[in-house]
Amino acid sequence: MYFASYRELAGVSEEVICMAEGLSVDYLVNVVEERHEPLSKAGRILVALNGEFTKPNSVLKDGDVVALFPPVSGG
């Protein structure tokens, strides 16, 4: 699932990506950046795995829901 500006950059709000079980969140982010080149230039991507923010080395399993968010800035 893509949120905020990432939805616009990817041109979709969500998609299903089939990949081998046991790969990392970082690997998935690389796949997404290859599919949607504008995201590769967007900078850091925050990732939530099944509703909780996660680290790049977290391992994915069948049925996981991944959400991608741009970094939040504020003041």
N, C-alpha and C. Protein backbone atom coordinates (compact mmCIF):
# COMPACT_ATOMS: atom_id res chain seq x y z
N MET A 1 0.85 -1.17 0.00
CA MET A 1 0.00 0.00 0.00
C MET A 1 0.90 1.23 0.00
N TYR A 2 0.50 2.22 -0.78
CA TYR A 2 1.27 3.46 -0.90
C TYR A 2 0.47 4.61 -0.30
N PHE A 3 1.12 5.44 0.48
CA PHE A 3 0.43 6.54 1.14
C PHE A 3 1.04 7.88 0.76
N ALA A 4 0.20 8.92 0.89
CA ALA A 4 0.59 10.31 0.67
C ALA A 4 1.23 10.47 -0.71
N SER A 5 2.35 11.17 -0.79
CA SER A 5 2.98 11.45 -2.08
C SER A 5 3.45 10.18 -2.78
N TYR A 6 3.71 9.11 -2.04
CA TYR A 6 4.16 7.86 -2.66
C TYR A 6 3.06 7.25 -3.52
N ARG A 7 1.82 7.47 -3.15
CA ARG A 7 0.70 7.00 -3.96
C ARG A 7 0.73 7.67 -5.33
N GLU A 8 0.99 8.97 -5.33
CA GLU A 8 1.06 9.71 -6.59
C GLU A 8 2.27 9.29 -7.41
N LEU A 9 3.42 9.11 -6.76
CA LEU A 9 4.63 8.73 -7.46
C LEU A 9 4.54 7.33 -8.07
N ALA A 10 3.88 6.41 -7.37
CA ALA A 10 3.74 5.04 -7.87
C ALA A 10 2.61 4.93 -8.89
N GLY A 11 1.65 5.84 -8.81
CA GLY A 11 0.52 5.79 -9.73
C GLY A 11 -0.54 4.77 -9.34
N VAL A 12 -0.39 4.17 -8.16
CA VAL A 12 -1.36 3.21 -7.64
C VAL A 12 -1.44 3.39 -6.13
N SER A 13 -2.56 2.99 -5.54
CA SER A 13 -2.68 3.08 -4.09
C SER A 13 -2.24 1.79 -3.41
N GLU A 14 -2.34 0.67 -4.16
CA GLU A 14 -1.87 -0.60 -3.63
C GLU A 14 -1.64 -1.56 -4.78
N GLU A 15 -0.86 -2.59 -4.51
CA GLU A 15 -0.63 -3.65 -5.48
C GLU A 15 -0.15 -4.89 -4.74
N VAL A 16 -0.28 -6.02 -5.40
CA VAL A 16 0.19 -7.28 -4.84
C VAL A 16 1.51 -7.61 -5.51
N ILE A 17 2.52 -7.88 -4.70
CA ILE A 17 3.83 -8.26 -5.22
C ILE A 17 4.13 -9.66 -4.69
N CYS A 18 4.27 -10.59 -5.59
CA CYS A 18 4.58 -11.97 -5.21
C CYS A 18 6.09 -12.16 -5.22
N MET A 19 6.62 -12.66 -4.12
CA MET A 19 8.04 -12.93 -4.01
C MET A 19 8.24 -14.07 -3.03
N ALA A 20 9.42 -14.63 -3.04
CA ALA A 20 9.71 -15.76 -2.17
C ALA A 20 9.60 -15.36 -0.71
N GLU A 21 9.09 -16.27 0.10
CA GLU A 21 9.01 -16.04 1.54
C GLU A 21 10.42 -15.98 2.11
N GLY A 22 10.61 -15.17 3.14
CA GLY A 22 11.89 -15.08 3.81
C GLY A 22 12.78 -13.95 3.34
N LEU A 23 12.32 -13.20 2.33
CA LEU A 23 13.10 -12.04 1.89
C LEU A 23 12.84 -10.87 2.82
N SER A 24 13.69 -9.88 2.78
CA SER A 24 13.61 -8.76 3.71
C SER A 24 12.74 -7.62 3.18
N VAL A 25 12.33 -6.77 4.09
CA VAL A 25 11.62 -5.54 3.75
C VAL A 25 12.47 -4.71 2.80
N ASP A 26 13.77 -4.63 3.05
CA ASP A 26 14.66 -3.86 2.20
C ASP A 26 14.65 -4.40 0.76
N TYR A 27 14.60 -5.71 0.61
CA TYR A 27 14.52 -6.31 -0.71
C TYR A 27 13.23 -5.87 -1.42
N LEU A 28 12.13 -5.90 -0.69
CA LEU A 28 10.85 -5.46 -1.25
C LEU A 28 10.91 -4.00 -1.68
N VAL A 29 11.51 -3.16 -0.86
CA VAL A 29 11.63 -1.74 -1.21
C VAL A 29 12.42 -1.60 -2.51
N ASN A 30 13.47 -2.38 -2.68
CA ASN A 30 14.23 -2.33 -3.94
C ASN A 30 13.37 -2.74 -5.12
N VAL A 31 12.54 -3.77 -4.96
CA VAL A 31 11.63 -4.21 -6.02
C VAL A 31 10.66 -3.08 -6.38
N VAL A 32 10.10 -2.45 -5.35
CA VAL A 32 9.15 -1.35 -5.56
C VAL A 32 9.82 -0.19 -6.29
N GLU A 33 11.04 0.14 -5.89
CA GLU A 33 11.75 1.25 -6.54
C GLU A 33 12.07 0.93 -7.99
N GLU A 34 12.32 -0.33 -8.31
CA GLU A 34 12.55 -0.71 -9.70
C GLU A 34 11.26 -0.62 -10.51
N ARG A 35 10.14 -0.99 -9.92
CA ARG A 35 8.84 -0.93 -10.61
C ARG A 35 8.38 0.49 -10.81
N HIS A 36 8.66 1.34 -9.84
CA HIS A 36 8.18 2.72 -9.84
C HIS A 36 9.37 3.66 -9.66
N GLU A 37 10.04 3.96 -10.75
CA GLU A 37 11.28 4.74 -10.70
C GLU A 37 11.18 6.04 -9.90
N PRO A 38 10.07 6.80 -9.99
CA PRO A 38 10.00 8.03 -9.20
C PRO A 38 10.21 7.80 -7.69
N LEU A 39 9.82 6.64 -7.19
CA LEU A 39 10.02 6.34 -5.77
C LEU A 39 11.50 6.19 -5.44
N SER A 40 12.30 5.74 -6.39
CA SER A 40 13.73 5.56 -6.13
C SER A 40 14.43 6.90 -5.93
N LYS A 41 13.81 7.96 -6.42
CA LYS A 41 14.39 9.31 -6.28
C LYS A 41 13.76 10.10 -5.15
N ALA A 42 12.81 9.48 -4.45
CA ALA A 42 12.05 10.19 -3.43
C ALA A 42 12.75 10.26 -2.08
N GLY A 43 13.83 9.52 -1.91
CA GLY A 43 14.52 9.52 -0.62
C GLY A 43 14.06 8.36 0.24
N ARG A 44 14.29 8.52 1.51
CA ARG A 44 14.00 7.46 2.48
C ARG A 44 12.52 7.07 2.48
N ILE A 45 12.27 5.78 2.55
CA ILE A 45 10.90 5.25 2.60
C ILE A 45 10.68 4.62 3.97
N LEU A 46 9.62 5.06 4.66
CA LEU A 46 9.24 4.44 5.92
C LEU A 46 8.32 3.27 5.62
N VAL A 47 8.54 2.16 6.30
CA VAL A 47 7.80 0.94 6.01
C VAL A 47 7.07 0.45 7.26
N ALA A 48 5.79 0.15 7.08
CA ALA A 48 5.01 -0.51 8.14
C ALA A 48 4.71 -1.92 7.66
N LEU A 49 4.89 -2.87 8.56
CA LEU A 49 4.64 -4.27 8.27
C LEU A 49 3.51 -4.73 9.18
N ASN A 50 2.40 -5.09 8.58
CA ASN A 50 1.21 -5.51 9.33
C ASN A 50 0.80 -4.48 10.39
N GLY A 51 0.86 -3.21 10.00
CA GLY A 51 0.37 -2.14 10.86
C GLY A 51 1.37 -1.54 11.83
N GLU A 52 2.63 -2.01 11.81
CA GLU A 52 3.64 -1.46 12.72
C GLU A 52 4.90 -1.11 11.94
N PHE A 53 5.46 0.07 12.24
CA PHE A 53 6.70 0.45 11.56
C PHE A 53 7.76 -0.60 11.84
N THR A 54 8.59 -0.86 10.84
CA THR A 54 9.54 -1.96 10.93
C THR A 54 10.91 -1.55 10.40
N LYS A 55 11.88 -2.43 10.57
CA LYS A 55 13.25 -2.19 10.12
C LYS A 55 13.47 -2.83 8.75
N PRO A 56 14.46 -2.33 8.00
CA PRO A 56 14.74 -2.87 6.66
C PRO A 56 15.08 -4.36 6.65
N ASN A 57 15.65 -4.88 7.71
CA ASN A 57 16.06 -6.28 7.72
C ASN A 57 14.96 -7.22 8.21
N SER A 58 13.76 -6.70 8.49
CA SER A 58 12.65 -7.56 8.90
C SER A 58 12.32 -8.53 7.77
N VAL A 59 12.01 -9.76 8.14
CA VAL A 59 11.74 -10.82 7.16
C VAL A 59 10.25 -10.87 6.84
N LEU A 60 9.94 -10.99 5.56
CA LEU A 60 8.55 -11.05 5.10
C LEU A 60 8.09 -12.50 5.01
N LYS A 61 6.78 -12.68 5.26
CA LYS A 61 6.18 -14.01 5.10
C LYS A 61 4.87 -13.88 4.35
N ASP A 62 4.36 -14.98 3.89
CA ASP A 62 3.14 -15.00 3.09
C ASP A 62 2.01 -14.27 3.81
N GLY A 63 1.34 -13.39 3.08
CA GLY A 63 0.18 -12.68 3.63
C GLY A 63 0.49 -11.38 4.34
N ASP A 64 1.78 -11.04 4.48
CA ASP A 64 2.11 -9.77 5.14
C ASP A 64 1.56 -8.59 4.35
N VAL A 65 1.16 -7.57 5.07
CA VAL A 65 0.69 -6.33 4.46
C VAL A 65 1.75 -5.27 4.73
N VAL A 66 2.26 -4.69 3.66
CA VAL A 66 3.33 -3.69 3.76
C VAL A 66 2.79 -2.35 3.28
N ALA A 67 3.05 -1.31 4.06
CA ALA A 67 2.64 0.04 3.71
C ALA A 67 3.87 0.92 3.63
N LEU A 68 3.93 1.75 2.60
CA LEU A 68 5.08 2.63 2.38
C LEU A 68 4.65 4.09 2.58
N PHE A 69 5.42 4.80 3.38
CA PHE A 69 5.12 6.19 3.73
C PHE A 69 6.34 7.06 3.48
N PRO A 70 6.12 8.30 3.05
CA PRO A 70 7.25 9.24 2.99
C PRO A 70 7.59 9.67 4.42
N PRO A 71 8.85 10.09 4.63
CA PRO A 71 9.21 10.60 5.95
C PRO A 71 8.35 11.82 6.30
N VAL A 72 8.01 11.94 7.55
CA VAL A 72 7.19 13.06 8.00
C VAL A 72 8.11 14.13 8.55
N SER A 73 7.85 15.36 8.14
CA SER A 73 8.60 16.47 8.73
C SER A 73 7.60 17.41 9.35
N GLY A 74 8.05 18.10 10.31
CA GLY A 74 7.13 19.00 10.99
C GLY A 74 7.89 20.02 11.80
N GLY A 75 7.18 20.80 12.47
CA GLY A 75 7.85 21.81 13.25
C GLY A 75 6.86 22.54 14.11
